[in-house]
Amino acid sequence: MSEVNLPPLPPIGGETSGRSVVDVLAEQHREALALTERLTTGDYDKQVASVLVATLSRHLSAEEQYLYPAIRTAVPGGDEIADRELAEDRDLLMLLSGLERGEEPGPVAEAIRRHVAADAEELFPLLEQMVPAEDMIRLGNRVETAEEAAPTRPHPRTPSRPPWNKVVDPAIGVVDKFRDLITARKTYVRDL
């Protein structure tokens, strides 16, 4: 098994606690798919589109900060896999920009389904095979933290690799959240 180079988090009760990165990201995928279904089966709903855009913007930012670097470090051939996923995620961010402007949700739905399938069928099994369980939990904790600080709007031209994305994304996230607040934009499923 390969170690992912992460500084230790203080354990609670002597053991690292939390959910595995696979569990965290799989739950986010289910939420994104449910929003996609909701958006594509009825009339265009601007609020559902906004929540989907915000959910995926946060999700992709967290993956760029922690999932892809873990793939690069722990998986043989990880650089090629991560580069491919980053390119596809950049395309998805461009589609999300269009969705927020009211464009047809079909291409976004297709890209989301492809993203979820690639993670579930390729990336997650590789990580589970190559990374110790404790590191998977530490990655899950970091993904959840990164997602809360992440942008709520697509920014396909910002850095997508550490260390720069770990600096830029939270700063842009503050601006996005301020914009969301003053425009009363909904960004979480619980707000629908």
C-alpha atoms as a PDB file:
ATOM      1  CA  MET A   1       0.000   0.000   0.000  1.00  0.00           C
ATOM      2  CA  SER A   2       1.160   3.499  -0.749  1.00  0.00           C
ATOM      3  CA  GLU A   3       1.119   6.351   1.741  1.00  0.00           C
ATOM      4  CA  VAL A   4      -0.478   9.623   0.727  1.00  0.00           C
ATOM      5  CA  ASN A   5       1.669  12.514   1.890  1.00  0.00           C
ATOM      6  CA  LEU A   6      -0.662  14.254   4.344  1.00  0.00           C
ATOM      7  CA  PRO A   7       0.186  15.888   7.639  1.00  0.00           C
ATOM      8  CA  PRO A   8      -1.492  14.056  10.490  1.00  0.00           C
ATOM      9  CA  LEU A   9      -4.764  15.262  11.920  1.00  0.00           C
ATOM     10  CA  PRO A  10      -5.169  15.008  15.653  1.00  0.00           C
ATOM     11  CA  PRO A  11      -7.028  11.767  16.308  1.00  0.00           C
ATOM     12  CA  ILE A  12     -10.143  11.759  18.461  1.00  0.00           C
ATOM     13  CA  GLY A  13     -10.089   8.951  20.986  1.00  0.00           C
ATOM     14  CA  GLY A  14      -6.788   7.613  19.685  1.00  0.00           C
ATOM     15  CA  GLU A  15      -7.989   6.797  16.169  1.00  0.00           C
ATOM     16  CA  THR A  16      -8.553   8.895  13.078  1.00  0.00           C
ATOM     17  CA  SER A  17     -12.286   9.482  12.826  1.00  0.00           C
ATOM     18  CA  GLY A  18     -14.488  10.497   9.959  1.00  0.00           C
ATOM     19  CA  ARG A  19     -15.607   9.085   6.639  1.00  0.00           C
ATOM     20  CA  SER A  20     -13.464   7.735   3.860  1.00  0.00           C
ATOM     21  CA  VAL A  21     -12.860  10.039   0.910  1.00  0.00           C
ATOM     22  CA  VAL A  22     -14.732   7.515  -1.227  1.00  0.00           C
ATOM     23  CA  ASP A  23     -17.785   7.712   1.042  1.00  0.00           C
ATOM     24  CA  VAL A  24     -17.711  11.527   1.084  1.00  0.00           C
ATOM     25  CA  LEU A  25     -17.345  11.890  -2.685  1.00  0.00           C
ATOM     26  CA  ALA A  26     -19.855   9.117  -3.473  1.00  0.00           C
ATOM     27  CA  GLU A  27     -22.461  10.923  -1.356  1.00  0.00           C
ATOM     28  CA  GLN A  28     -21.738  14.156  -3.238  1.00  0.00           C
ATOM     29  CA  HIS A  29     -22.105  12.260  -6.517  1.00  0.00           C
ATOM     30  CA  ARG A  30     -25.519  10.939  -5.480  1.00  0.00           C
ATOM     31  CA  GLU A  31     -26.620  14.475  -4.604  1.00  0.00           C
ATOM     32  CA  ALA A  32     -25.364  15.821  -7.950  1.00  0.00           C
ATOM     33  CA  LEU A  33     -27.117  13.046  -9.869  1.00  0.00           C
ATOM     34  CA  ALA A  34     -30.386  13.686  -8.012  1.00  0.00           C
ATOM     35  CA  LEU A  35     -30.169  17.407  -8.829  1.00  0.00           C
ATOM     36  CA  THR A  36     -29.343  16.576 -12.452  1.00  0.00           C
ATOM     37  CA  GLU A  37     -32.375  14.304 -12.678  1.00  0.00           C
ATOM     38  CA  ARG A  38     -34.572  16.965 -11.142  1.00  0.00           C
ATOM     39  CA  LEU A  39     -33.301  19.569 -13.592  1.00  0.00           C
ATOM     40  CA  THR A  40     -33.593  17.438 -16.727  1.00  0.00           C
ATOM     41  CA  THR A  41     -37.015  15.891 -16.096  1.00  0.00           C
ATOM     42  CA  GLY A  42     -39.015  19.094 -15.846  1.00  0.00           C
ATOM     43  CA  ASP A  43     -39.007  22.677 -16.923  1.00  0.00           C
ATOM     44  CA  TYR A  44     -35.790  24.608 -16.399  1.00  0.00           C
ATOM     45  CA  ASP A  45     -35.674  25.674 -12.750  1.00  0.00           C
ATOM     46  CA  LYS A  46     -33.155  28.441 -12.093  1.00  0.00           C
ATOM     47  CA  GLN A  47     -32.898  27.621  -8.376  1.00  0.00           C
ATOM     48  CA  VAL A  48     -32.203  23.932  -9.012  1.00  0.00           C
ATOM     49  CA  ALA A  49     -29.636  24.942 -11.643  1.00  0.00           C
ATOM     50  CA  SER A  50     -27.950  27.313  -9.159  1.00  0.00           C
ATOM     51  CA  VAL A  51     -27.797  24.633  -6.481  1.00  0.00           C
ATOM     52  CA  LEU A  52     -26.395  22.108  -8.970  1.00  0.00           C
ATOM     53  CA  VAL A  53     -23.765  24.606 -10.153  1.00  0.00           C
ATOM     54  CA  ALA A  54     -22.760  25.446  -6.567  1.00  0.00           C
ATOM     55  CA  THR A  55     -22.706  21.799  -5.488  1.00  0.00           C
ATOM     56  CA  LEU A  56     -20.498  20.745  -8.391  1.00  0.00           C
ATOM     57  CA  SER A  57     -18.251  23.799  -8.141  1.00  0.00           C
ATOM     58  CA  ARG A  58     -17.527  22.951  -4.500  1.00  0.00           C
ATOM     59  CA  HIS A  59     -17.154  19.258  -5.291  1.00  0.00           C
ATOM     60  CA  LEU A  60     -14.727  19.727  -8.186  1.00  0.00           C
ATOM     61  CA  SER A  61     -12.632  22.186  -6.176  1.00  0.00           C
ATOM     62  CA  ALA A  62     -12.267  19.673  -3.332  1.00  0.00           C
ATOM     63  CA  GLU A  63     -11.377  16.880  -5.760  1.00  0.00           C
ATOM     64  CA  GLU A  64      -8.719  19.056  -7.374  1.00  0.00           C
ATOM     65  CA  GLN A  65      -7.232  19.868  -3.986  1.00  0.00           C
ATOM     66  CA  TYR A  66      -7.141  16.337  -2.548  1.00  0.00           C
ATOM     67  CA  LEU A  67      -8.411  13.484  -4.746  1.00  0.00           C
ATOM     68  CA  TYR A  68      -6.221  14.068  -7.785  1.00  0.00           C
ATOM     69  CA  PRO A  69      -3.022  14.717  -5.793  1.00  0.00           C
ATOM     70  CA  ALA A  70      -3.695  11.446  -3.921  1.00  0.00           C
ATOM     71  CA  ILE A  71      -4.130   9.647  -7.258  1.00  0.00           C
ATOM     72  CA  ARG A  72      -0.845  11.144  -8.482  1.00  0.00           C
ATOM     73  CA  THR A  73       0.991  10.027  -5.353  1.00  0.00           C
ATOM     74  CA  ALA A  74      -0.507   6.609  -4.671  1.00  0.00           C
ATOM     75  CA  VAL A  75      -1.486   5.110  -8.031  1.00  0.00           C
ATOM     76  CA  PRO A  76       0.932   3.894 -10.716  1.00  0.00           C
ATOM     77  CA  GLY A  77       0.244   6.030 -13.793  1.00  0.00           C
ATOM     78  CA  GLY A  78      -1.613   8.463 -11.545  1.00  0.00           C
ATOM     79  CA  ASP A  79      -0.287  11.561 -13.307  1.00  0.00           C
ATOM     80  CA  GLU A  80      -1.984  10.586 -16.573  1.00  0.00           C
ATOM     81  CA  ILE A  81      -5.232   9.681 -14.812  1.00  0.00           C
ATOM     82  CA  ALA A  82      -5.300  12.934 -12.836  1.00  0.00           C
ATOM     83  CA  ASP A  83      -4.447  15.040 -15.905  1.00  0.00           C
ATOM     84  CA  ARG A  84      -7.268  13.397 -17.878  1.00  0.00           C
ATOM     85  CA  GLU A  85      -9.769  13.979 -15.062  1.00  0.00           C
ATOM     86  CA  LEU A  86      -8.661  17.608 -14.619  1.00  0.00           C
ATOM     87  CA  ALA A  87      -9.202  18.275 -18.336  1.00  0.00           C
ATOM     88  CA  GLU A  88     -12.681  16.734 -18.202  1.00  0.00           C
ATOM     89  CA  ASP A  89     -13.508  18.665 -15.028  1.00  0.00           C
ATOM     90  CA  ARG A  90     -12.449  21.925 -16.707  1.00  0.00           C
ATOM     91  CA  ASP A  91     -14.866  21.121 -19.552  1.00  0.00           C
ATOM     92  CA  LEU A  92     -17.585  20.410 -16.971  1.00  0.00           C
ATOM     93  CA  LEU A  93     -16.922  23.775 -15.305  1.00  0.00           C
ATOM     94  CA  MET A  94     -17.400  25.473 -18.697  1.00  0.00           C
ATOM     95  CA  LEU A  95     -20.723  23.655 -19.134  1.00  0.00           C
ATOM     96  CA  LEU A  96     -21.769  24.711 -15.624  1.00  0.00           C
ATOM     97  CA  SER A  97     -21.119  28.337 -16.560  1.00  0.00           C
ATOM     98  CA  GLY A  98     -23.529  27.936 -19.450  1.00  0.00           C
ATOM     99  CA  LEU A  99     -26.105  26.169 -17.314  1.00  0.00           C
ATOM    100  CA  GLU A 100     -26.187  29.074 -14.909  1.00  0.00           C
ATOM    101  CA  ARG A 101     -26.888  31.386 -17.851  1.00  0.00           C
ATOM    102  CA  GLY A 102     -29.898  29.237 -18.768  1.00  0.00           C
ATOM    103  CA  GLU A 103     -28.375  26.984 -21.425  1.00  0.00           C
ATOM    104  CA  GLU A 104     -29.697  23.490 -22.099  1.00  0.00           C
ATOM    105  CA  PRO A 105     -28.954  21.109 -19.182  1.00  0.00           C
ATOM    106  CA  GLY A 106     -28.466  18.004 -21.377  1.00  0.00           C
ATOM    107  CA  PRO A 107     -24.713  18.386 -22.003  1.00  0.00           C
ATOM    108  CA  VAL A 108     -24.114  19.119 -18.309  1.00  0.00           C
ATOM    109  CA  ALA A 109     -26.109  16.047 -17.288  1.00  0.00           C
ATOM    110  CA  GLU A 110     -24.071  13.873 -19.642  1.00  0.00           C
ATOM    111  CA  ALA A 111     -20.775  15.277 -18.315  1.00  0.00           C
ATOM    112  CA  ILE A 112     -21.876  14.763 -14.702  1.00  0.00           C
ATOM    113  CA  ARG A 113     -22.822  11.146 -15.378  1.00  0.00           C
ATOM    114  CA  ARG A 114     -19.431  10.575 -17.041  1.00  0.00           C
ATOM    115  CA  HIS A 115     -17.628  12.159 -14.082  1.00  0.00           C
ATOM    116  CA  VAL A 116     -19.491  10.023 -11.548  1.00  0.00           C
ATOM    117  CA  ALA A 117     -18.921   6.831 -13.545  1.00  0.00           C
ATOM    118  CA  ALA A 118     -15.185   7.504 -13.982  1.00  0.00           C
ATOM    119  CA  ASP A 119     -14.735   8.093 -10.273  1.00  0.00           C
ATOM    120  CA  ALA A 120     -16.822   5.077  -9.213  1.00  0.00           C
ATOM    121  CA  GLU A 121     -15.423   2.641 -11.771  1.00  0.00           C
ATOM    122  CA  GLU A 122     -11.766   3.694 -11.898  1.00  0.00           C
ATOM    123  CA  LEU A 123     -10.536   6.203  -9.322  1.00  0.00           C
ATOM    124  CA  PHE A 124     -12.267   4.971  -6.173  1.00  0.00           C
ATOM    125  CA  PRO A 125     -11.293   1.306  -6.620  1.00  0.00           C
ATOM    126  CA  LEU A 126      -7.674   2.319  -7.300  1.00  0.00           C
ATOM    127  CA  LEU A 127      -7.543   4.466  -4.171  1.00  0.00           C
ATOM    128  CA  GLU A 128      -9.160   1.813  -2.010  1.00  0.00           C
ATOM    129  CA  GLN A 129      -6.609  -0.688  -3.260  1.00  0.00           C
ATOM    130  CA  MET A 130      -3.533   1.532  -2.893  1.00  0.00           C
ATOM    131  CA  VAL A 131      -4.163   3.819   0.096  1.00  0.00           C
ATOM    132  CA  PRO A 132      -4.397   2.755   3.754  1.00  0.00           C
ATOM    133  CA  ALA A 133      -7.816   3.148   5.400  1.00  0.00           C
ATOM    134  CA  GLU A 134      -6.581   5.801   7.854  1.00  0.00           C
ATOM    135  CA  ASP A 135      -5.277   7.954   4.982  1.00  0.00           C
ATOM    136  CA  MET A 136      -8.611   7.516   3.180  1.00  0.00           C
ATOM    137  CA  ILE A 137     -10.374   8.906   6.257  1.00  0.00           C
ATOM    138  CA  ARG A 138      -7.912  11.789   6.533  1.00  0.00           C
ATOM    139  CA  LEU A 139      -8.523  12.563   2.849  1.00  0.00           C
ATOM    140  CA  GLY A 140     -12.271  12.460   3.471  1.00  0.00           C
ATOM    141  CA  ASN A 141     -11.906  14.953   6.317  1.00  0.00           C
ATOM    142  CA  ARG A 142      -9.875  17.285   4.121  1.00  0.00           C
ATOM    143  CA  VAL A 143     -12.331  17.036   1.219  1.00  0.00           C
ATOM    144  CA  GLU A 144     -15.217  17.991   3.518  1.00  0.00           C
ATOM    145  CA  THR A 145     -13.260  20.973   4.861  1.00  0.00           C
ATOM    146  CA  ALA A 146     -12.129  22.083   1.399  1.00  0.00           C
ATOM    147  CA  GLU A 147     -15.657  21.869   0.056  1.00  0.00           C
ATOM    148  CA  GLU A 148     -16.957  24.315   2.665  1.00  0.00           C
ATOM    149  CA  ALA A 149     -14.350  26.912   1.689  1.00  0.00           C
ATOM    150  CA  ALA A 150     -14.636  26.279  -2.054  1.00  0.00           C
ATOM    151  CA  PRO A 151     -16.150  28.537  -4.706  1.00  0.00           C
ATOM    152  CA  THR A 152     -19.864  28.207  -5.387  1.00  0.00           C
ATOM    153  CA  ARG A 153     -19.535  29.236  -9.016  1.00  0.00           C
ATOM    154  CA  PRO A 154     -17.476  27.684 -11.800  1.00  0.00           C
ATOM    155  CA  HIS A 155     -14.031  29.209 -12.325  1.00  0.00           C
ATOM    156  CA  PRO A 156     -12.454  27.105 -15.089  1.00  0.00           C
ATOM    157  CA  ARG A 157      -9.451  29.384 -15.502  1.00  0.00           C
ATOM    158  CA  THR A 158      -8.209  29.265 -11.907  1.00  0.00           C
ATOM    159  CA  PRO A 159      -5.315  26.979 -10.915  1.00  0.00           C
ATOM    160  CA  SER A 160      -6.335  23.334 -10.627  1.00  0.00           C
ATOM    161  CA  ARG A 161      -3.232  21.941  -8.924  1.00  0.00           C
ATOM    162  CA  PRO A 162      -1.731  22.390  -5.466  1.00  0.00           C
ATOM    163  CA  PRO A 163      -0.425  24.509  -3.976  1.00  0.00           C
ATOM    164  CA  TRP A 164      -2.063  27.341  -5.913  1.00  0.00           C
ATOM    165  CA  ASN A 165      -5.614  25.988  -5.929  1.00  0.00           C
ATOM    166  CA  LYS A 166      -5.456  25.605  -2.142  1.00  0.00           C
ATOM    167  CA  VAL A 167      -4.749  29.344  -1.917  1.00  0.00           C
ATOM    168  CA  VAL A 168      -6.915  30.680  -4.752  1.00  0.00           C
ATOM    169  CA  ASP A 169     -10.077  28.568  -4.319  1.00  0.00           C
ATOM    170  CA  PRO A 170     -10.830  29.619  -0.711  1.00  0.00           C
ATOM    171  CA  ALA A 171     -10.255  33.285  -1.613  1.00  0.00           C
ATOM    172  CA  ILE A 172     -12.608  33.041  -4.575  1.00  0.00           C
ATOM    173  CA  GLY A 173     -15.003  31.078  -2.369  1.00  0.00           C
ATOM    174  CA  VAL A 174     -15.304  34.077  -0.033  1.00  0.00           C
ATOM    175  CA  VAL A 175     -16.176  36.342  -2.967  1.00  0.00           C
ATOM    176  CA  ASP A 176     -18.681  33.824  -4.359  1.00  0.00           C
ATOM    177  CA  LYS A 177     -20.365  33.404  -0.985  1.00  0.00           C
ATOM    178  CA  PHE A 178     -20.644  37.172  -0.603  1.00  0.00           C
ATOM    179  CA  ARG A 179     -22.232  37.398  -4.070  1.00  0.00           C
ATOM    180  CA  ASP A 180     -24.601  34.556  -3.141  1.00  0.00           C
ATOM    181  CA  LEU A 181     -25.591  36.355   0.035  1.00  0.00           C
ATOM    182  CA  ILE A 182     -26.360  39.702  -1.590  1.00  0.00           C
ATOM    183  CA  THR A 183     -28.277  38.081  -4.469  1.00  0.00           C
ATOM    184  CA  ALA A 184     -30.076  35.531  -2.217  1.00  0.00           C
ATOM    185  CA  ARG A 185     -28.784  32.745  -4.474  1.00  0.00           C
ATOM    186  CA  LYS A 186     -29.488  29.262  -3.182  1.00  0.00           C
ATOM    187  CA  THR A 187     -26.434  26.980  -3.076  1.00  0.00           C
ATOM    188  CA  TYR A 188     -27.452  23.920  -1.026  1.00  0.00           C
ATOM    189  CA  VAL A 189     -30.127  21.275  -1.603  1.00  0.00           C
ATOM    190  CA  ARG A 190     -31.536  21.989   1.864  1.00  0.00           C
ATOM    191  CA  ASP A 191     -32.360  25.537   0.664  1.00  0.00           C
ATOM    192  CA  LEU A 192     -34.617  24.383  -2.184  1.00  0.00           C
END
